[in-house]
Amino acid sequence: MARRSAVLVVVLLLFTAGGAAAELSYVGPATLGKTVIPPATRAFTAKTGIPFTKIETQGSGQGFEMMLAGQADVSGLSRGLTSAEKRLAIHYQIIGYDAMAVFVHPTNRVTVLTRRQLKAIYTGRATSWKEVGGADAPIVPVTGVTESGRALLVEFRQHVMDGLDYAPRRWEIDRLEERVAAVATTPNAIVVVSLAFARPGVKAVAIEGFTPEPATVRSGAYLLSRPLLLVVRTKATPAARRFMEFMLGAEGQQIVGRKFVPVR
């Protein structure tokens, strides 16, 4: 009887770790959480029977911390890892590449901006479109909420603004979709968001002569390219690692390719 109970315990443990009884959770940026993760988790569950019981979009930074604390199985990042983060007990995979697209209103005659001009706009040194080749009209920079610590704000500040502060005179809008919508209804506005949130009523501006195309994003020729990562703890469950493998497989990469540039 004792032997039969021991065997039953082992079977149940194996079933929970890698079978249909396993459950997963994801926390990360809206860039992934509102585009790739929902269809990917549905496809993964249909294939494996392993459900995702939680999908949250608190941002790259908070999601990463929650994963480290064991409050989520998988975290997403819409930026590269820092040297310090790479030294932590984690396993990560690049599943695709994104472009931080610069959108303006279709009536704006500016079609190309340089890194220096973007820096001037978002630090507040350039306040009129006339200063960057446009009409004599005030620039309306749109950003997310800086206190949120979301990856896009951090990445842009580091790589374009050289770590300087954002201009105090700008519109702060938390939701990505609402930022783009604001540009669609405001002729003098400009916003930097993921290319996945492109919509009618806005146009993408080329940066240093390059538009955000798959080839330029993957090669890095487009200045505002960035990797999309999934991260788990080193001692992650078999189910979590299985999801990582799924995202690098043909079906997962096809889902990534709907909105972003896949790795494969």
C-alpha atoms as a PDB file:
ATOM      1  CA  MET A   1       0.000   0.000   0.000  1.00  0.00           C
ATOM      2  CA  ALA A   2       2.849   2.400   0.929  1.00  0.00           C
ATOM      3  CA  ARG A   3       4.638   1.625  -2.357  1.00  0.00           C
ATOM      4  CA  ARG A   4       1.476   2.295  -4.371  1.00  0.00           C
ATOM      5  CA  SER A   5       1.029   5.663  -2.585  1.00  0.00           C
ATOM      6  CA  ALA A   6       4.626   6.643  -3.306  1.00  0.00           C
ATOM      7  CA  VAL A   7       4.211   5.834  -6.999  1.00  0.00           C
ATOM      8  CA  LEU A   8       0.996   7.862  -7.079  1.00  0.00           C
ATOM      9  CA  VAL A   9       2.762  10.879  -5.556  1.00  0.00           C
ATOM     10  CA  VAL A  10       5.551  10.695  -8.166  1.00  0.00           C
ATOM     11  CA  VAL A  11       3.041  10.455 -11.010  1.00  0.00           C
ATOM     12  CA  LEU A  12       1.093  13.436  -9.691  1.00  0.00           C
ATOM     13  CA  LEU A  13       4.251  15.521  -9.344  1.00  0.00           C
ATOM     14  CA  LEU A  14       5.334  14.748 -12.892  1.00  0.00           C
ATOM     15  CA  PHE A  15       1.857  15.493 -14.199  1.00  0.00           C
ATOM     16  CA  THR A  16       1.771  18.858 -12.410  1.00  0.00           C
ATOM     17  CA  ALA A  17       5.288  19.846 -13.558  1.00  0.00           C
ATOM     18  CA  GLY A  18       4.917  19.135 -17.237  1.00  0.00           C
ATOM     19  CA  GLY A  19       1.405  18.068 -18.117  1.00  0.00           C
ATOM     20  CA  ALA A  20      -2.078  19.447 -18.377  1.00  0.00           C
ATOM     21  CA  ALA A  21      -2.303  20.276 -14.657  1.00  0.00           C
ATOM     22  CA  ALA A  22       0.557  22.795 -14.886  1.00  0.00           C
ATOM     23  CA  GLU A  23      -0.345  26.479 -14.939  1.00  0.00           C
ATOM     24  CA  LEU A  24       1.631  29.502 -16.119  1.00  0.00           C
ATOM     25  CA  SER A  25       1.518  33.252 -15.686  1.00  0.00           C
ATOM     26  CA  TYR A  26       3.009  36.130 -17.692  1.00  0.00           C
ATOM     27  CA  VAL A  27       3.832  39.700 -16.651  1.00  0.00           C
ATOM     28  CA  GLY A  28       5.560  42.247 -18.874  1.00  0.00           C
ATOM     29  CA  PRO A  29       5.210  45.168 -21.261  1.00  0.00           C
ATOM     30  CA  ALA A  30       2.024  46.003 -23.138  1.00  0.00           C
ATOM     31  CA  THR A  31       4.093  45.862 -26.328  1.00  0.00           C
ATOM     32  CA  LEU A  32       4.064  42.062 -25.999  1.00  0.00           C
ATOM     33  CA  GLY A  33       1.166  41.585 -23.624  1.00  0.00           C
ATOM     34  CA  LYS A  34      -1.398  43.132 -25.965  1.00  0.00           C
ATOM     35  CA  THR A  35      -0.105  41.745 -29.258  1.00  0.00           C
ATOM     36  CA  VAL A  36       1.900  38.513 -29.126  1.00  0.00           C
ATOM     37  CA  ILE A  37       1.158  36.928 -25.753  1.00  0.00           C
ATOM     38  CA  PRO A  38      -2.658  36.488 -26.025  1.00  0.00           C
ATOM     39  CA  PRO A  39      -2.650  34.534 -29.334  1.00  0.00           C
ATOM     40  CA  ALA A  40       0.571  32.729 -28.404  1.00  0.00           C
ATOM     41  CA  THR A  41      -0.765  31.480 -25.085  1.00  0.00           C
ATOM     42  CA  ARG A  42      -4.001  30.322 -26.709  1.00  0.00           C
ATOM     43  CA  ALA A  43      -2.064  28.368 -29.326  1.00  0.00           C
ATOM     44  CA  PHE A  44       0.307  26.971 -26.684  1.00  0.00           C
ATOM     45  CA  THR A  45      -2.576  25.833 -24.473  1.00  0.00           C
ATOM     46  CA  ALA A  46      -4.350  24.217 -27.430  1.00  0.00           C
ATOM     47  CA  LYS A  47      -1.174  22.315 -28.264  1.00  0.00           C
ATOM     48  CA  THR A  48      -0.044  21.311 -24.762  1.00  0.00           C
ATOM     49  CA  GLY A  49      -3.059  21.625 -22.470  1.00  0.00           C
ATOM     50  CA  ILE A  50      -1.071  23.973 -20.201  1.00  0.00           C
ATOM     51  CA  PRO A  51      -3.137  27.096 -19.445  1.00  0.00           C
ATOM     52  CA  PHE A  52      -2.012  30.638 -18.668  1.00  0.00           C
ATOM     53  CA  THR A  53      -4.035  31.788 -15.675  1.00  0.00           C
ATOM     54  CA  LYS A  54      -2.633  35.341 -15.617  1.00  0.00           C
ATOM     55  CA  ILE A  55      -1.482  37.780 -18.302  1.00  0.00           C
ATOM     56  CA  GLU A  56      -0.611  41.225 -16.948  1.00  0.00           C
ATOM     57  CA  THR A  57       1.030  44.281 -18.511  1.00  0.00           C
ATOM     58  CA  GLN A  58       2.724  46.226 -15.731  1.00  0.00           C
ATOM     59  CA  GLY A  59       5.738  46.969 -17.929  1.00  0.00           C
ATOM     60  CA  SER A  60       9.176  45.463 -18.524  1.00  0.00           C
ATOM     61  CA  GLY A  61      10.756  46.608 -15.265  1.00  0.00           C
ATOM     62  CA  GLN A  62       7.996  45.585 -12.882  1.00  0.00           C
ATOM     63  CA  GLY A  63       7.325  42.378 -14.776  1.00  0.00           C
ATOM     64  CA  PHE A  64      10.993  41.391 -14.544  1.00  0.00           C
ATOM     65  CA  GLU A  65      11.000  42.038 -10.779  1.00  0.00           C
ATOM     66  CA  MET A  66       7.826  40.009 -10.294  1.00  0.00           C
ATOM     67  CA  MET A  67       9.308  37.089 -12.212  1.00  0.00           C
ATOM     68  CA  LEU A  68      12.468  37.202 -10.060  1.00  0.00           C
ATOM     69  CA  ALA A  69      10.305  37.258  -6.928  1.00  0.00           C
ATOM     70  CA  GLY A  70       8.398  34.189  -8.081  1.00  0.00           C
ATOM     71  CA  GLN A  71       5.164  36.119  -8.646  1.00  0.00           C
ATOM     72  CA  ALA A  72       5.113  35.220 -12.359  1.00  0.00           C
ATOM     73  CA  ASP A  73       6.485  32.299 -14.332  1.00  0.00           C
ATOM     74  CA  VAL A  74       7.412  34.224 -17.484  1.00  0.00           C
ATOM     75  CA  SER A  75       8.264  37.877 -17.937  1.00  0.00           C
ATOM     76  CA  GLY A  76       8.606  39.811 -21.155  1.00  0.00           C
ATOM     77  CA  LEU A  77      11.045  42.576 -21.960  1.00  0.00           C
ATOM     78  CA  SER A  78      10.829  45.033 -24.830  1.00  0.00           C
ATOM     79  CA  ARG A  79      14.469  46.006 -24.367  1.00  0.00           C
ATOM     80  CA  GLY A  80      17.852  44.401 -23.997  1.00  0.00           C
ATOM     81  CA  LEU A  81      19.084  43.124 -20.639  1.00  0.00           C
ATOM     82  CA  THR A  82      21.642  45.129 -18.700  1.00  0.00           C
ATOM     83  CA  SER A  83      24.984  43.569 -17.771  1.00  0.00           C
ATOM     84  CA  ALA A  84      23.840  43.285 -14.160  1.00  0.00           C
ATOM     85  CA  GLU A  85      20.582  41.575 -15.159  1.00  0.00           C
ATOM     86  CA  LYS A  86      22.432  39.013 -17.260  1.00  0.00           C
ATOM     87  CA  ARG A  87      24.377  37.951 -14.160  1.00  0.00           C
ATOM     88  CA  LEU A  88      21.187  37.015 -12.325  1.00  0.00           C
ATOM     89  CA  ALA A  89      19.830  33.459 -12.108  1.00  0.00           C
ATOM     90  CA  ILE A  90      17.734  33.730 -15.267  1.00  0.00           C
ATOM     91  CA  HIS A  91      17.307  32.145 -18.673  1.00  0.00           C
ATOM     92  CA  TYR A  92      16.261  34.372 -21.566  1.00  0.00           C
ATOM     93  CA  GLN A  93      15.523  34.167 -25.271  1.00  0.00           C
ATOM     94  CA  ILE A  94      15.152  36.815 -27.962  1.00  0.00           C
ATOM     95  CA  ILE A  95      11.893  35.945 -29.718  1.00  0.00           C
ATOM     96  CA  GLY A  96      11.775  38.871 -32.150  1.00  0.00           C
ATOM     97  CA  TYR A  97      12.630  42.498 -32.845  1.00  0.00           C
ATOM     98  CA  ASP A  98      10.565  45.644 -32.586  1.00  0.00           C
ATOM     99  CA  ALA A  99      10.967  49.157 -33.936  1.00  0.00           C
ATOM    100  CA  MET A 100      10.233  52.207 -31.842  1.00  0.00           C
ATOM    101  CA  ALA A 101       8.393  54.072 -34.555  1.00  0.00           C
ATOM    102  CA  VAL A 102       8.143  57.862 -34.642  1.00  0.00           C
ATOM    103  CA  PHE A 103       4.628  58.866 -35.660  1.00  0.00           C
ATOM    104  CA  VAL A 104       3.344  62.281 -36.715  1.00  0.00           C
ATOM    105  CA  HIS A 105       0.094  63.527 -38.219  1.00  0.00           C
ATOM    106  CA  PRO A 106      -0.277  62.813 -41.982  1.00  0.00           C
ATOM    107  CA  THR A 107      -0.465  66.556 -42.707  1.00  0.00           C
ATOM    108  CA  ASN A 108       2.966  67.135 -41.154  1.00  0.00           C
ATOM    109  CA  ARG A 109       5.431  67.718 -44.007  1.00  0.00           C
ATOM    110  CA  VAL A 110       8.363  66.321 -42.027  1.00  0.00           C
ATOM    111  CA  THR A 111       9.267  62.865 -43.367  1.00  0.00           C
ATOM    112  CA  VAL A 112      12.793  62.367 -41.973  1.00  0.00           C
ATOM    113  CA  LEU A 113      14.376  63.203 -38.631  1.00  0.00           C
ATOM    114  CA  THR A 114      17.895  62.724 -37.314  1.00  0.00           C
ATOM    115  CA  ARG A 115      18.836  61.441 -33.884  1.00  0.00           C
ATOM    116  CA  ARG A 116      19.980  64.954 -32.969  1.00  0.00           C
ATOM    117  CA  GLN A 117      16.628  66.426 -33.980  1.00  0.00           C
ATOM    118  CA  LEU A 118      14.706  63.823 -31.978  1.00  0.00           C
ATOM    119  CA  LYS A 119      16.857  64.587 -28.962  1.00  0.00           C
ATOM    120  CA  ALA A 120      16.166  68.310 -29.365  1.00  0.00           C
ATOM    121  CA  ILE A 121      12.406  67.723 -29.636  1.00  0.00           C
ATOM    122  CA  TYR A 122      12.103  65.518 -26.573  1.00  0.00           C
ATOM    123  CA  THR A 123      14.472  67.506 -24.339  1.00  0.00           C
ATOM    124  CA  GLY A 124      12.610  70.691 -25.227  1.00  0.00           C
ATOM    125  CA  ARG A 125      15.419  72.458 -27.089  1.00  0.00           C
ATOM    126  CA  ALA A 126      13.392  72.392 -30.325  1.00  0.00           C
ATOM    127  CA  THR A 127       9.891  73.739 -29.805  1.00  0.00           C
ATOM    128  CA  SER A 128       8.774  74.543 -33.368  1.00  0.00           C
ATOM    129  CA  TRP A 129       8.462  72.211 -36.344  1.00  0.00           C
ATOM    130  CA  LYS A 130      10.236  74.930 -38.357  1.00  0.00           C
ATOM    131  CA  GLU A 131      13.470  74.058 -36.513  1.00  0.00           C
ATOM    132  CA  VAL A 132      13.432  70.511 -37.958  1.00  0.00           C
ATOM    133  CA  GLY A 133      12.208  71.215 -41.486  1.00  0.00           C
ATOM    134  CA  GLY A 134       8.486  71.567 -40.895  1.00  0.00           C
ATOM    135  CA  ALA A 135       5.937  74.358 -40.649  1.00  0.00           C
ATOM    136  CA  ASP A 136       6.132  77.262 -38.235  1.00  0.00           C
ATOM    137  CA  ALA A 137       3.996  75.553 -35.582  1.00  0.00           C
ATOM    138  CA  PRO A 138       4.598  74.425 -31.984  1.00  0.00           C
ATOM    139  CA  ILE A 139       5.739  70.824 -31.482  1.00  0.00           C
ATOM    140  CA  VAL A 140       3.535  68.757 -29.157  1.00  0.00           C
ATOM    141  CA  PRO A 141       5.646  65.840 -27.823  1.00  0.00           C
ATOM    142  CA  VAL A 142       3.606  62.909 -26.517  1.00  0.00           C
ATOM    143  CA  THR A 143       5.097  60.348 -24.114  1.00  0.00           C
ATOM    144  CA  GLY A 144       4.070  57.751 -21.606  1.00  0.00           C
ATOM    145  CA  VAL A 145       4.103  58.497 -17.875  1.00  0.00           C
ATOM    146  CA  THR A 146       7.784  58.842 -16.994  1.00  0.00           C
ATOM    147  CA  GLU A 147       7.332  57.571 -13.431  1.00  0.00           C
ATOM    148  CA  SER A 148       6.089  54.236 -14.813  1.00  0.00           C
ATOM    149  CA  GLY A 149       9.612  53.180 -15.775  1.00  0.00           C
ATOM    150  CA  ARG A 150       8.340  51.454 -18.910  1.00  0.00           C
ATOM    151  CA  ALA A 151      10.992  50.116 -21.264  1.00  0.00           C
ATOM    152  CA  LEU A 152      10.233  52.359 -24.219  1.00  0.00           C
ATOM    153  CA  LEU A 153      10.685  55.536 -22.180  1.00  0.00           C
ATOM    154  CA  VAL A 154      13.912  54.241 -20.655  1.00  0.00           C
ATOM    155  CA  GLU A 155      15.352  52.987 -23.957  1.00  0.00           C
ATOM    156  CA  PHE A 156      14.567  56.193 -25.831  1.00  0.00           C
ATOM    157  CA  ARG A 157      15.999  58.360 -23.059  1.00  0.00           C
ATOM    158  CA  GLN A 158      19.225  56.343 -23.004  1.00  0.00           C
ATOM    159  CA  HIS A 159      19.831  55.865 -26.725  1.00  0.00           C
ATOM    160  CA  VAL A 160      18.466  59.094 -28.180  1.00  0.00           C
ATOM    161  CA  MET A 161      18.451  61.662 -25.385  1.00  0.00           C
ATOM    162  CA  ASP A 162      21.820  60.660 -23.870  1.00  0.00           C
ATOM    163  CA  GLY A 163      20.177  60.268 -20.474  1.00  0.00           C
ATOM    164  CA  LEU A 164      18.796  63.816 -20.329  1.00  0.00           C
ATOM    165  CA  ASP A 165      15.370  64.541 -18.862  1.00  0.00           C
ATOM    166  CA  TYR A 166      12.227  64.756 -20.951  1.00  0.00           C
ATOM    167  CA  ALA A 167      10.938  68.258 -21.627  1.00  0.00           C
ATOM    168  CA  PRO A 168       8.411  69.388 -18.998  1.00  0.00           C
ATOM    169  CA  ARG A 169       6.062  70.724 -21.687  1.00  0.00           C
ATOM    170  CA  ARG A 170       4.600  67.570 -23.224  1.00  0.00           C
ATOM    171  CA  TRP A 171       1.565  65.351 -23.042  1.00  0.00           C
ATOM    172  CA  GLU A 172       1.860  62.315 -20.765  1.00  0.00           C
ATOM    173  CA  ILE A 173      -0.537  59.524 -21.726  1.00  0.00           C
ATOM    174  CA  ASP A 174      -0.224  56.084 -20.167  1.00  0.00           C
ATOM    175  CA  ARG A 175      -1.962  53.796 -22.668  1.00  0.00           C
ATOM    176  CA  LEU A 176      -0.115  53.170 -25.937  1.00  0.00           C
ATOM    177  CA  GLU A 177      -3.252  53.200 -28.065  1.00  0.00           C
ATOM    178  CA  GLU A 178      -4.321  56.540 -26.616  1.00  0.00           C
ATOM    179  CA  ARG A 179      -0.930  58.097 -27.358  1.00  0.00           C
ATOM    180  CA  VAL A 180      -1.228  57.191 -31.033  1.00  0.00           C
ATOM    181  CA  ALA A 181      -4.847  58.334 -31.108  1.00  0.00           C
ATOM    182  CA  ALA A 182      -3.747  61.719 -29.733  1.00  0.00           C
ATOM    183  CA  VAL A 183      -1.364  62.182 -32.672  1.00  0.00           C
ATOM    184  CA  ALA A 184      -4.085  61.186 -35.140  1.00  0.00           C
ATOM    185  CA  THR A 185      -6.228  64.085 -33.897  1.00  0.00           C
ATOM    186  CA  THR A 186      -3.457  66.643 -33.219  1.00  0.00           C
ATOM    187  CA  PRO A 187      -1.654  67.948 -36.350  1.00  0.00           C
ATOM    188  CA  ASN A 188       1.436  69.178 -34.450  1.00  0.00           C
ATOM    189  CA  ALA A 189       1.932  66.138 -32.196  1.00  0.00           C
ATOM    190  CA  ILE A 190       4.708  63.521 -32.308  1.00  0.00           C
ATOM    191  CA  VAL A 191       4.978  60.214 -30.471  1.00  0.00           C
ATOM    192  CA  VAL A 192       7.431  57.315 -30.190  1.00  0.00           C
ATOM    193  CA  VAL A 193       5.740  53.935 -29.713  1.00  0.00           C
ATOM    194  CA  SER A 194       6.080  50.360 -30.894  1.00  0.00           C
ATOM    195  CA  LEU A 195       5.465  49.918 -34.629  1.00  0.00           C
ATOM    196  CA  ALA A 196       2.858  47.314 -33.635  1.00  0.00           C
ATOM    197  CA  PHE A 197       0.548  50.164 -32.627  1.00  0.00           C
ATOM    198  CA  ALA A 198       0.474  51.822 -36.043  1.00  0.00           C
ATOM    199  CA  ARG A 199      -3.025  52.847 -37.120  1.00  0.00           C
ATOM    200  CA  PRO A 200      -4.776  54.891 -39.792  1.00  0.00           C
ATOM    201  CA  GLY A 201      -4.416  58.620 -39.225  1.00  0.00           C
ATOM    202  CA  VAL A 202      -0.684  58.686 -38.434  1.00  0.00           C
ATOM    203  CA  LYS A 203       2.479  58.298 -40.503  1.00  0.00           C
ATOM    204  CA  ALA A 204       5.906  56.930 -39.579  1.00  0.00           C
ATOM    205  CA  VAL A 205       8.919  59.210 -39.987  1.00  0.00           C
ATOM    206  CA  ALA A 206      12.248  57.848 -41.269  1.00  0.00           C
ATOM    207  CA  ILE A 207      15.135  58.145 -38.799  1.00  0.00           C
ATOM    208  CA  GLU A 208      18.575  58.986 -40.222  1.00  0.00           C
ATOM    209  CA  GLY A 209      17.158  58.030 -43.621  1.00  0.00           C
ATOM    210  CA  PHE A 210      15.936  54.564 -42.630  1.00  0.00           C
ATOM    211  CA  THR A 211      12.308  53.518 -42.275  1.00  0.00           C
ATOM    212  CA  PRO A 212      11.322  50.703 -39.882  1.00  0.00           C
ATOM    213  CA  GLU A 213      11.349  47.747 -42.301  1.00  0.00           C
ATOM    214  CA  PRO A 214      12.062  44.111 -41.313  1.00  0.00           C
ATOM    215  CA  ALA A 215      15.556  44.162 -42.862  1.00  0.00           C
ATOM    216  CA  THR A 216      16.588  47.463 -41.234  1.00  0.00           C
ATOM    217  CA  VAL A 217      15.091  46.489 -37.871  1.00  0.00           C
ATOM    218  CA  ARG A 218      16.809  43.091 -37.769  1.00  0.00           C
ATOM    219  CA  SER A 219      20.169  44.506 -38.891  1.00  0.00           C
ATOM    220  CA  GLY A 220      19.997  47.507 -36.570  1.00  0.00           C
ATOM    221  CA  ALA A 221      20.269  50.020 -39.429  1.00  0.00           C
ATOM    222  CA  TYR A 222      17.038  51.538 -38.162  1.00  0.00           C
ATOM    223  CA  LEU A 223      18.254  53.480 -35.142  1.00  0.00           C
ATOM    224  CA  LEU A 224      15.339  52.652 -32.855  1.00  0.00           C
ATOM    225  CA  SER A 225      15.373  48.867 -33.191  1.00  0.00           C
ATOM    226  CA  ARG A 226      15.123  46.794 -30.020  1.00  0.00           C
ATOM    227  CA  PRO A 227      14.930  43.101 -29.072  1.00  0.00           C
ATOM    228  CA  LEU A 228      11.859  41.407 -27.619  1.00  0.00           C
ATOM    229  CA  LEU A 229      12.707  38.920 -24.881  1.00  0.00           C
ATOM    230  CA  LEU A 230      11.063  36.280 -22.756  1.00  0.00           C
ATOM    231  CA  VAL A 231      12.727  35.607 -19.395  1.00  0.00           C
ATOM    232  CA  VAL A 232      12.310  32.861 -16.797  1.00  0.00           C
ATOM    233  CA  ARG A 233      14.207  31.957 -13.650  1.00  0.00           C
ATOM    234  CA  THR A 234      17.048  29.443 -13.976  1.00  0.00           C
ATOM    235  CA  LYS A 235      14.980  27.001 -11.900  1.00  0.00           C
ATOM    236  CA  ALA A 236      11.874  27.550 -14.014  1.00  0.00           C
ATOM    237  CA  THR A 237       9.258  24.828 -14.300  1.00  0.00           C
ATOM    238  CA  PRO A 238       9.339  22.493 -17.310  1.00  0.00           C
ATOM    239  CA  ALA A 239       6.108  24.123 -18.480  1.00  0.00           C
ATOM    240  CA  ALA A 240       7.699  27.601 -18.541  1.00  0.00           C
ATOM    241  CA  ARG A 241      10.685  26.341 -20.517  1.00  0.00           C
ATOM    242  CA  ARG A 242       8.332  24.551 -22.867  1.00  0.00           C
ATOM    243  CA  PHE A 243       6.606  27.869 -23.604  1.00  0.00           C
ATOM    244  CA  MET A 244       9.993  29.444 -24.387  1.00  0.00           C
ATOM    245  CA  GLU A 245      10.689  26.634 -26.858  1.00  0.00           C
ATOM    246  CA  PHE A 246       7.242  27.053 -28.406  1.00  0.00           C
ATOM    247  CA  MET A 247       7.875  30.752 -29.050  1.00  0.00           C
ATOM    248  CA  LEU A 248      11.037  29.940 -30.985  1.00  0.00           C
ATOM    249  CA  GLY A 249       9.310  27.253 -33.027  1.00  0.00           C
ATOM    250  CA  ALA A 250       7.524  27.751 -36.344  1.00  0.00           C
ATOM    251  CA  GLU A 251       4.102  28.452 -34.830  1.00  0.00           C
ATOM    252  CA  GLY A 252       5.400  30.870 -32.211  1.00  0.00           C
ATOM    253  CA  GLN A 253       7.538  32.756 -34.729  1.00  0.00           C
ATOM    254  CA  GLN A 254       4.586  33.038 -37.086  1.00  0.00           C
ATOM    255  CA  ILE A 255       2.635  34.732 -34.295  1.00  0.00           C
ATOM    256  CA  VAL A 256       5.524  37.111 -33.554  1.00  0.00           C
ATOM    257  CA  GLY A 257       5.696  37.953 -37.267  1.00  0.00           C
ATOM    258  CA  ARG A 258       2.135  39.279 -37.320  1.00  0.00           C
ATOM    259  CA  LYS A 259       3.234  42.465 -35.559  1.00  0.00           C
ATOM    260  CA  PHE A 260       7.026  42.322 -35.248  1.00  0.00           C
ATOM    261  CA  VAL A 261      10.148  40.997 -36.945  1.00  0.00           C
ATOM    262  CA  PRO A 262      10.640  37.304 -36.026  1.00  0.00           C
ATOM    263  CA  VAL A 263      14.050  35.869 -35.164  1.00  0.00           C
ATOM    264  CA  ARG A 264      13.564  33.026 -37.650  1.00  0.00           C
END
